[in-house]
Amino acid sequence: MALLIEGAGGTIRFSKFMDWALNEPINGSYASGKLKIGIKGDFVTSPSLGPEFSDLLGIQIAEWIIDFEKQLNSQNIISLVEIGPGEGDLAFNLIQFLKRDFPKLLDKIELVMVELNDGLKKRQKLKLASISEVPIKWESLDKISKDPLTGIFLAHEVLDALPVDILIWENNDLFLQGIELTKVNNKNFINYVNLPLPSSVKQELAHINSNLSINIPPFNVPNRWKTEWHIGQKSWFKKISACIKAGNLLIVDYALEASRYYHASRSEGTLISYKEHTASPNVLDDIGSRDITAHLCLETLISTAISNDFIYVGETKQGLSLLSLGLSKKLNLLQKNKSENLAKVLESRENLLRLVDPMTLGDFRWILFKKNIDFINTRFLDEPMD
């Protein structure tokens, strides 16, 4: 990392540092394959716990496939596109679910994986090697945009890893916080440094203040109050929009309302890093071997999507989404099931409860958009089922 920063002049924006720390081909934690997702890895995601998450999401996916088939040319293949597929757990378990519960839909779909990093791509191909029922391909967003697809786009814990900038309020002025390389006794060190606020960021802050009534910083913030600015979202939504001929986009990620995100009491922002299931606010430690994430702001995310030709459908918390898709019913069936291995039943029950725990995974937001399609089923937004 020191050589990269030195080559860039010794000082870089935090967003560039975060990008390199995660995605630099040799040393980035994702690109190099050092970071592992799952119970035996560095952090867990909902799909990595087991098939329970995909079984419930799969109910909604199946209904979307049926909807699209009715509305669109029935001869068209419907693409199931996963952006940032991690270890491949979600795609694998979704296909297993469809194979078991909706086998007739398999002939109507293809699986398209969008992965930037070769280290993760290799693990995804191993995970999905046994699937022969549907065609699977790995494509870049740039390539897809040249021949846009019709279908379902999934972004599960993707946007929280997009590089962000850090804004800091110090001595009654707003700065961009960057990373500076220094040498002491021939040893390299990196530290935070305040940089002038670029005119482009000033314009964007003025835009959200005028259009969304969001003040950054909010009133009465303490000195050295910090927050994140999601610099990568605009280009991300532009790319995704260019890839969709007709269909929907489901984002599942940590997100907060602007009133909670940009609050005076949230003085350190939301940036955090993970390694071996241990969270740390110090994202400069163990560079290239830790996950780095930041929560999303709901209002700015929705506004950015709408400005890129998406129609906002709705959002809710994951706990409510999964309850609406039948989680309680699955729990009841497990309770009554005496034939299966007890350890397996208890593991499934534990996984289901973790998925809706409001202190952890249950607090994720499911945010739905559509493009060039009239009707889309929104079962996950309905009142939870008994």
Protein backbone atom coordinates (compact mmCIF):
# COMPACT_ATOMS: atom_id res chain seq x y z
CA MET A 1 0.00 0.00 0.00
CA ALA A 2 2.86 2.40 0.85
CA LEU A 3 4.27 2.11 -2.68
CA LEU A 4 0.87 2.84 -4.20
CA ILE A 5 0.35 5.93 -2.03
CA GLU A 6 3.91 7.09 -2.72
CA GLY A 7 3.33 6.65 -6.44
CA ALA A 8 0.19 8.77 -6.17
CA GLY A 9 2.16 11.65 -4.64
CA GLY A 10 2.05 10.68 -0.98
CA THR A 11 -1.51 11.79 -0.25
CA ILE A 12 -4.77 10.24 -1.48
CA ARG A 13 -8.48 10.53 -0.81
CA PHE A 14 -9.86 7.94 1.60
CA SER A 15 -12.04 6.50 -1.17
CA LYS A 16 -8.92 5.60 -3.14
CA PHE A 17 -7.37 4.02 -0.05
CA MET A 18 -10.51 1.95 0.58
CA ASP A 19 -10.62 0.83 -3.04
CA TRP A 20 -7.00 -0.34 -2.93
CA ALA A 21 -7.40 -1.99 0.48
CA LEU A 22 -10.28 -4.11 -0.86
CA ASN A 23 -9.75 -4.46 -4.60
CA GLU A 24 -6.07 -3.96 -5.48
CA PRO A 25 -5.24 -7.18 -7.40
CA ILE A 26 -2.22 -8.29 -5.36
CA ASN A 27 -2.83 -6.94 -1.86
CA GLY A 28 -6.54 -6.11 -1.69
CA SER A 29 -8.42 -8.21 0.84
CA TYR A 30 -11.13 -9.21 -1.66
CA ALA A 31 -9.07 -9.31 -4.86
CA SER A 32 -6.29 -11.43 -3.38
CA GLY A 33 -8.73 -13.92 -1.89
CA LYS A 34 -7.41 -13.38 1.65
CA LEU A 35 -10.82 -12.48 3.02
CA LYS A 36 -13.18 -15.38 3.70
CA ILE A 37 -16.95 -15.15 4.11
CA GLY A 38 -18.77 -17.57 6.39
CA ILE A 39 -18.84 -19.03 9.87
CA LYS A 40 -15.24 -20.24 9.47
CA GLY A 41 -14.16 -17.03 7.75
CA ASP A 42 -13.88 -13.37 8.70
CA PHE A 43 -17.54 -12.41 8.78
CA VAL A 44 -20.93 -13.95 8.05
CA THR A 45 -23.63 -12.89 5.62
CA SER A 46 -27.21 -14.10 5.56
CA PRO A 47 -26.58 -16.56 2.68
CA SER A 48 -23.40 -17.90 4.27
CA LEU A 49 -25.25 -19.20 7.34
CA GLY A 50 -27.05 -21.87 5.33
CA PRO A 51 -29.85 -22.34 2.80
CA GLU A 52 -32.59 -20.80 4.97
CA PHE A 53 -32.14 -17.25 3.66
CA SER A 54 -32.19 -18.35 0.01
CA ASP A 55 -35.21 -20.58 0.60
CA LEU A 56 -37.23 -17.56 1.75
CA LEU A 57 -35.86 -15.07 -0.78
CA GLY A 58 -36.41 -17.76 -3.42
CA ILE A 59 -40.19 -17.53 -2.89
CA GLN A 60 -40.06 -13.89 -3.98
CA ILE A 61 -37.62 -14.64 -6.81
CA ALA A 62 -39.93 -17.36 -8.18
CA GLU A 63 -42.88 -14.96 -8.16
CA TRP A 64 -40.83 -12.35 -10.03
CA ILE A 65 -39.83 -14.89 -12.68
CA ILE A 66 -43.50 -15.82 -13.17
CA ASP A 67 -44.46 -12.12 -13.33
CA PHE A 68 -41.81 -11.36 -15.94
CA GLU A 69 -42.82 -14.34 -18.04
CA LYS A 70 -46.40 -13.04 -18.16
CA GLN A 71 -45.44 -9.46 -19.02
CA LEU A 72 -42.53 -10.01 -21.36
CA ASN A 73 -41.94 -12.12 -24.43
CA SER A 74 -42.30 -15.67 -23.10
CA GLN A 75 -39.50 -16.82 -25.40
CA ASN A 76 -36.98 -14.55 -23.69
CA ILE A 77 -34.64 -16.03 -21.10
CA ILE A 78 -34.95 -14.24 -17.77
CA SER A 79 -31.56 -13.41 -16.31
CA LEU A 80 -30.93 -13.84 -12.59
CA VAL A 81 -27.97 -11.51 -12.07
CA GLU A 82 -26.02 -11.43 -8.82
CA ILE A 83 -23.66 -8.50 -8.37
CA GLY A 84 -20.80 -9.22 -5.98
CA PRO A 85 -21.66 -12.88 -5.31
CA GLY A 86 -19.14 -13.38 -2.48
CA GLU A 87 -18.51 -17.10 -2.01
CA GLY A 88 -21.40 -18.06 -4.33
CA ASP A 89 -23.67 -19.25 -1.48
CA LEU A 90 -26.72 -17.20 -2.46
CA ALA A 91 -26.70 -18.25 -6.13
CA PHE A 92 -26.05 -21.90 -5.26
CA ASN A 93 -28.83 -22.12 -2.69
CA LEU A 94 -31.31 -20.21 -4.86
CA ILE A 95 -30.85 -22.72 -7.67
CA GLN A 96 -31.26 -25.61 -5.20
CA PHE A 97 -34.47 -24.04 -3.94
CA LEU A 98 -35.88 -23.53 -7.45
CA LYS A 99 -34.88 -27.07 -8.40
CA ARG A 100 -36.79 -28.43 -5.41
CA ASP A 101 -39.87 -26.17 -5.31
CA PHE A 102 -40.19 -24.60 -8.80
CA PRO A 103 -38.39 -26.96 -11.19
CA LYS A 104 -40.37 -25.76 -14.23
CA LEU A 105 -38.83 -22.29 -13.85
CA LEU A 106 -35.26 -23.54 -14.39
CA ASP A 107 -35.73 -23.70 -18.17
CA LYS A 108 -36.72 -20.04 -18.18
CA ILE A 109 -33.64 -18.55 -16.48
CA GLU A 110 -29.91 -18.09 -16.73
CA LEU A 111 -27.53 -17.23 -13.89
CA VAL A 112 -25.20 -14.28 -14.48
CA MET A 113 -22.46 -13.58 -11.94
CA VAL A 114 -20.80 -10.16 -11.79
CA GLU A 115 -17.53 -10.33 -9.85
CA LEU A 116 -14.61 -7.89 -9.99
CA ASN A 117 -12.11 -9.93 -8.04
CA ASP A 118 -10.39 -13.04 -9.36
CA GLY A 119 -9.84 -14.50 -5.89
CA LEU A 120 -13.58 -14.62 -5.20
CA LYS A 121 -14.43 -15.62 -8.77
CA LYS A 122 -12.37 -18.81 -8.43
CA ARG A 123 -14.24 -19.78 -5.26
CA GLN A 124 -17.61 -19.04 -6.86
CA LYS A 125 -16.81 -21.31 -9.82
CA LEU A 126 -15.92 -24.14 -7.47
CA LYS A 127 -19.11 -23.61 -5.48
CA LEU A 128 -21.32 -23.65 -8.59
CA ALA A 129 -19.49 -26.38 -10.51
CA SER A 130 -22.14 -29.01 -9.73
CA ILE A 131 -25.03 -26.96 -11.16
CA SER A 132 -26.06 -28.16 -14.62
CA GLU A 133 -29.76 -27.23 -14.66
CA VAL A 134 -29.25 -23.59 -15.72
CA PRO A 135 -26.56 -21.88 -17.80
CA ILE A 136 -24.07 -19.89 -15.69
CA LYS A 137 -21.73 -17.19 -16.90
CA TRP A 138 -19.46 -14.55 -15.38
CA GLU A 139 -19.73 -11.14 -16.98
CA SER A 140 -18.62 -7.58 -16.28
CA LEU A 141 -21.11 -4.73 -16.04
CA ASP A 142 -19.38 -3.06 -18.98
CA LYS A 143 -20.01 -6.10 -21.17
CA ILE A 144 -23.62 -6.52 -20.03
CA SER A 145 -24.34 -2.85 -20.73
CA LYS A 146 -23.56 -3.41 -24.42
CA ASP A 147 -26.38 -5.97 -24.60
CA PRO A 148 -28.71 -5.20 -21.65
CA LEU A 149 -30.54 -8.02 -19.91
CA THR A 150 -34.12 -8.61 -18.88
CA GLY A 151 -34.48 -10.02 -15.40
CA ILE A 152 -33.73 -9.82 -11.70
CA PHE A 153 -30.65 -8.05 -10.38
CA LEU A 154 -29.52 -8.80 -6.82
CA ALA A 155 -27.00 -6.74 -4.86
CA HIS A 156 -26.54 -8.38 -1.46
CA GLU A 157 -24.03 -6.56 0.76
CA VAL A 158 -22.41 -4.89 -2.24
CA LEU A 159 -22.95 -1.17 -1.80
CA ASP A 160 -21.60 -1.15 1.76
CA ALA A 161 -18.19 -2.09 0.31
CA LEU A 162 -18.19 0.62 -2.37
CA PRO A 163 -15.39 3.08 -1.59
CA VAL A 164 -16.55 6.13 0.35
CA ASP A 165 -14.99 9.47 1.17
CA ILE A 166 -14.85 10.78 4.73
CA LEU A 167 -16.13 14.25 5.57
CA ILE A 168 -14.87 15.90 8.76
CA TRP A 169 -16.06 19.06 10.48
CA GLU A 170 -13.14 20.77 12.17
CA ASN A 171 -12.73 24.32 13.44
CA ASN A 172 -16.05 25.35 11.90
CA ASP A 173 -15.14 24.14 8.43
CA LEU A 174 -15.83 21.01 6.40
CA PHE A 175 -12.95 19.01 4.93
CA LEU A 176 -12.36 15.81 3.03
CA GLN A 177 -10.30 13.40 5.10
CA GLY A 178 -7.51 11.73 3.17
CA ILE A 179 -4.61 9.38 3.80
CA GLU A 180 -1.04 10.64 3.99
CA LEU A 181 2.15 8.57 3.81
CA THR A 182 4.95 9.63 6.17
CA LYS A 183 8.39 8.18 6.92
CA VAL A 184 9.97 8.02 10.37
CA ASN A 185 13.37 6.38 10.76
CA ASN A 186 12.99 4.88 7.27
CA LYS A 187 9.67 3.27 8.25
CA ASN A 188 6.43 4.01 6.43
CA PHE A 189 3.34 5.13 8.30
CA ILE A 190 -0.08 6.22 7.10
CA ASN A 191 -2.23 8.78 8.86
CA TYR A 192 -5.37 10.78 8.28
CA VAL A 193 -4.96 14.27 6.87
CA ASN A 194 -7.50 17.00 6.13
CA LEU A 195 -7.87 17.96 2.46
CA PRO A 196 -9.80 20.84 0.87
CA LEU A 197 -13.37 19.97 -0.04
CA PRO A 198 -13.54 19.47 -3.84
CA SER A 199 -16.01 21.64 -5.73
CA SER A 200 -17.80 18.51 -6.99
CA VAL A 201 -18.52 17.41 -3.42
CA LYS A 202 -19.66 20.93 -2.48
CA GLN A 203 -22.13 20.84 -5.37
CA GLU A 204 -23.47 17.44 -4.35
CA LEU A 205 -23.89 18.54 -0.73
CA ALA A 206 -25.75 21.64 -1.92
CA HIS A 207 -27.93 19.42 -4.12
CA ILE A 208 -29.05 17.10 -1.30
CA ASN A 209 -29.62 20.09 0.95
CA SER A 210 -31.85 21.73 -1.66
CA ASN A 211 -33.67 18.59 -2.85
CA LEU A 212 -33.71 16.32 0.21
CA SER A 213 -33.37 18.87 3.05
CA ILE A 214 -30.29 17.04 4.35
CA ASN A 215 -27.74 19.20 6.16
CA ILE A 216 -24.11 18.05 6.24
CA PRO A 217 -22.97 18.72 8.82
CA PRO A 218 -26.19 18.79 10.84
CA PHE A 219 -26.68 21.52 13.43
CA ASN A 220 -24.74 21.55 16.71
CA VAL A 221 -22.16 18.92 15.75
CA PRO A 222 -19.03 18.57 17.90
CA ASN A 223 -15.59 19.48 16.59
CA ARG A 224 -14.10 16.66 14.48
CA TRP A 225 -17.53 15.21 13.69
CA LYS A 226 -17.17 12.73 10.81
CA THR A 227 -19.40 10.99 8.34
CA GLU A 228 -19.15 9.14 5.02
CA TRP A 229 -19.92 10.48 1.56
CA HIS A 230 -20.92 7.72 -0.88
CA ILE A 231 -18.94 8.93 -3.85
CA GLY A 232 -19.23 5.64 -5.76
CA GLN A 233 -23.02 5.30 -5.79
CA LYS A 234 -23.71 7.60 -8.73
CA SER A 235 -21.47 5.69 -11.16
CA TRP A 236 -22.65 2.34 -9.75
CA PHE A 237 -26.33 3.06 -10.39
CA LYS A 238 -25.50 4.45 -13.82
CA LYS A 239 -23.73 1.19 -14.72
CA ILE A 240 -26.50 -1.01 -13.34
CA SER A 241 -29.19 0.98 -15.12
CA ALA A 242 -27.33 0.59 -18.41
CA CYS A 243 -27.36 -3.20 -17.88
CA ILE A 244 -31.12 -3.54 -17.39
CA LYS A 245 -33.36 -3.62 -20.44
CA ALA A 246 -36.35 -4.41 -18.24
CA GLY A 247 -36.57 -5.84 -14.74
CA ASN A 248 -35.91 -5.08 -11.11
CA LEU A 249 -33.08 -4.43 -8.70
CA LEU A 250 -33.14 -5.67 -5.10
CA ILE A 251 -30.54 -4.19 -2.77
CA VAL A 252 -30.02 -5.87 0.62
CA ASP A 253 -27.69 -3.95 2.89
CA TYR A 254 -27.26 -1.96 6.08
CA ALA A 255 -28.94 1.42 5.67
CA LEU A 256 -30.13 4.27 7.88
CA GLU A 257 -32.50 7.17 7.36
CA ALA A 258 -30.69 10.47 6.83
CA SER A 259 -31.96 11.78 10.18
CA ARG A 260 -30.08 8.93 11.88
CA TYR A 261 -27.12 8.76 9.51
CA TYR A 262 -26.21 12.45 9.55
CA HIS A 263 -26.94 13.06 13.22
CA ALA A 264 -24.81 15.12 15.58
CA SER A 265 -24.51 12.19 17.99
CA ARG A 266 -23.14 9.87 15.25
CA SER A 267 -19.81 11.66 15.44
CA GLU A 268 -17.60 8.85 14.10
CA GLY A 269 -19.72 7.85 11.11
CA THR A 270 -20.41 4.19 10.34
CA LEU A 271 -17.10 2.94 8.89
CA ILE A 272 -15.98 -0.35 10.39
CA SER A 273 -13.68 -3.24 9.51
CA TYR A 274 -13.95 -6.99 10.14
CA LYS A 275 -11.43 -9.76 10.51
CA GLU A 276 -12.02 -13.19 12.05
CA HIS A 277 -15.49 -12.07 13.20
CA THR A 278 -14.05 -9.18 15.18
CA ALA A 279 -15.20 -5.65 14.38
CA SER A 280 -12.86 -2.69 14.66
CA PRO A 281 -13.42 1.03 14.04
CA ASN A 282 -9.74 1.39 13.07
CA VAL A 283 -9.84 0.72 9.33
CA LEU A 284 -6.13 1.49 8.91
CA ASP A 285 -5.08 -1.69 10.74
CA ASP A 286 -4.11 -4.87 8.85
CA ILE A 287 -4.56 -3.27 5.46
CA GLY A 288 -5.41 -5.79 2.79
CA SER A 289 -6.63 -8.47 5.18
CA ARG A 290 -9.80 -6.87 6.59
CA ASP A 291 -13.26 -6.11 5.27
CA ILE A 292 -14.14 -2.40 5.30
CA THR A 293 -17.77 -1.31 5.15
CA ALA A 294 -19.98 1.74 5.60
CA HIS A 295 -23.75 1.91 6.07
CA LEU A 296 -25.91 3.45 3.36
CA CYS A 297 -28.16 6.50 3.61
CA LEU A 298 -31.67 5.57 2.44
CA GLU A 299 -32.70 8.94 1.04
CA THR A 300 -29.54 9.62 -0.95
CA LEU A 301 -29.49 6.04 -2.24
CA ILE A 302 -33.10 6.23 -3.45
CA SER A 303 -32.54 9.67 -4.97
CA THR A 304 -29.47 8.46 -6.86
CA ALA A 305 -31.34 5.43 -8.19
CA ILE A 306 -34.28 7.56 -9.39
CA SER A 307 -31.89 9.93 -11.19
CA ASN A 308 -30.63 6.88 -13.10
CA ASP A 309 -34.02 5.82 -14.51
CA PHE A 310 -35.12 3.49 -11.72
CA ILE A 311 -38.56 3.60 -10.13
CA TYR A 312 -38.51 3.18 -6.37
CA VAL A 313 -40.95 0.45 -5.25
CA GLY A 314 -40.39 0.23 -1.49
CA GLU A 315 -38.17 -0.90 1.37
CA THR A 316 -38.38 -2.64 4.71
CA LYS A 317 -36.16 -4.34 7.25
CA GLN A 318 -34.97 -7.88 6.62
CA GLY A 319 -36.70 -9.29 9.68
CA LEU A 320 -40.08 -8.10 8.37
CA SER A 321 -39.25 -9.21 4.81
CA LEU A 322 -38.51 -12.78 5.85
CA LEU A 323 -41.54 -12.96 8.12
CA SER A 324 -43.68 -11.83 5.17
CA LEU A 325 -42.16 -14.62 3.07
CA GLY A 326 -43.06 -17.31 5.61
CA LEU A 327 -40.28 -17.52 8.19
CA SER A 328 -42.73 -18.22 11.03
CA LYS A 329 -44.19 -21.12 9.06
CA LYS A 330 -40.70 -22.57 8.56
CA LEU A 331 -40.01 -22.29 12.28
CA ASN A 332 -43.27 -24.06 13.11
CA LEU A 333 -42.51 -26.87 10.68
CA LEU A 334 -39.07 -27.33 12.25
CA GLN A 335 -40.66 -27.51 15.68
CA LYS A 336 -43.02 -30.26 14.55
CA ASN A 337 -40.39 -32.17 12.57
CA LYS A 338 -39.21 -35.17 14.60
CA SER A 339 -37.77 -37.24 11.78
CA GLU A 340 -34.75 -35.16 10.80
CA ASN A 341 -31.42 -35.15 12.55
CA LEU A 342 -31.88 -33.09 15.72
CA ALA A 343 -28.60 -31.22 15.25
CA LYS A 344 -29.64 -30.18 11.72
CA VAL A 345 -33.06 -29.02 12.93
CA LEU A 346 -31.50 -26.94 15.71
CA GLU A 347 -28.98 -25.43 13.29
CA SER A 348 -31.75 -24.41 10.86
CA ARG A 349 -33.75 -22.91 13.72
CA GLU A 350 -30.72 -20.94 14.92
CA ASN A 351 -30.04 -19.67 11.41
CA LEU A 352 -33.62 -18.50 10.94
CA LEU A 353 -33.58 -16.65 14.25
CA ARG A 354 -30.28 -14.95 13.41
CA LEU A 355 -31.72 -13.76 10.10
CA VAL A 356 -34.43 -11.77 11.90
CA ASP A 357 -32.50 -10.70 14.99
CA PRO A 358 -32.97 -6.87 15.03
CA MET A 359 -29.56 -6.45 16.65
CA THR A 360 -27.73 -8.07 13.73
CA LEU A 361 -28.89 -9.41 10.35
CA GLY A 362 -32.56 -8.59 10.90
CA ASP A 363 -31.76 -4.88 10.69
CA PHE A 364 -30.65 -5.10 7.04
CA ARG A 365 -32.83 -3.17 4.58
CA TRP A 366 -34.41 -4.72 1.50
CA ILE A 367 -34.75 -1.90 -1.05
CA LEU A 368 -36.57 -2.58 -4.32
CA PHE A 369 -36.44 -0.71 -7.64
CA LYS A 370 -37.84 -1.51 -11.07
CA LYS A 371 -37.16 -0.36 -14.63
CA ASN A 372 -39.26 -0.61 -17.79
CA ILE A 373 -41.73 -3.03 -16.23
CA ASP A 374 -45.30 -2.32 -15.12
CA PHE A 375 -46.22 -4.76 -12.38
CA ILE A 376 -43.89 -6.37 -9.89
CA ASN A 377 -44.92 -8.62 -7.02
CA THR A 378 -43.97 -7.20 -3.62
CA ARG A 379 -44.81 -10.00 -1.22
CA PHE A 380 -41.80 -9.18 0.96
CA LEU A 381 -43.31 -5.73 1.60
CA ASP A 382 -46.65 -7.17 2.79
CA GLU A 383 -47.67 -7.51 6.41
CA PRO A 384 -45.79 -10.45 8.00
CA MET A 385 -47.48 -13.84 7.81
CA ASP A 386 -48.48 -15.71 10.97
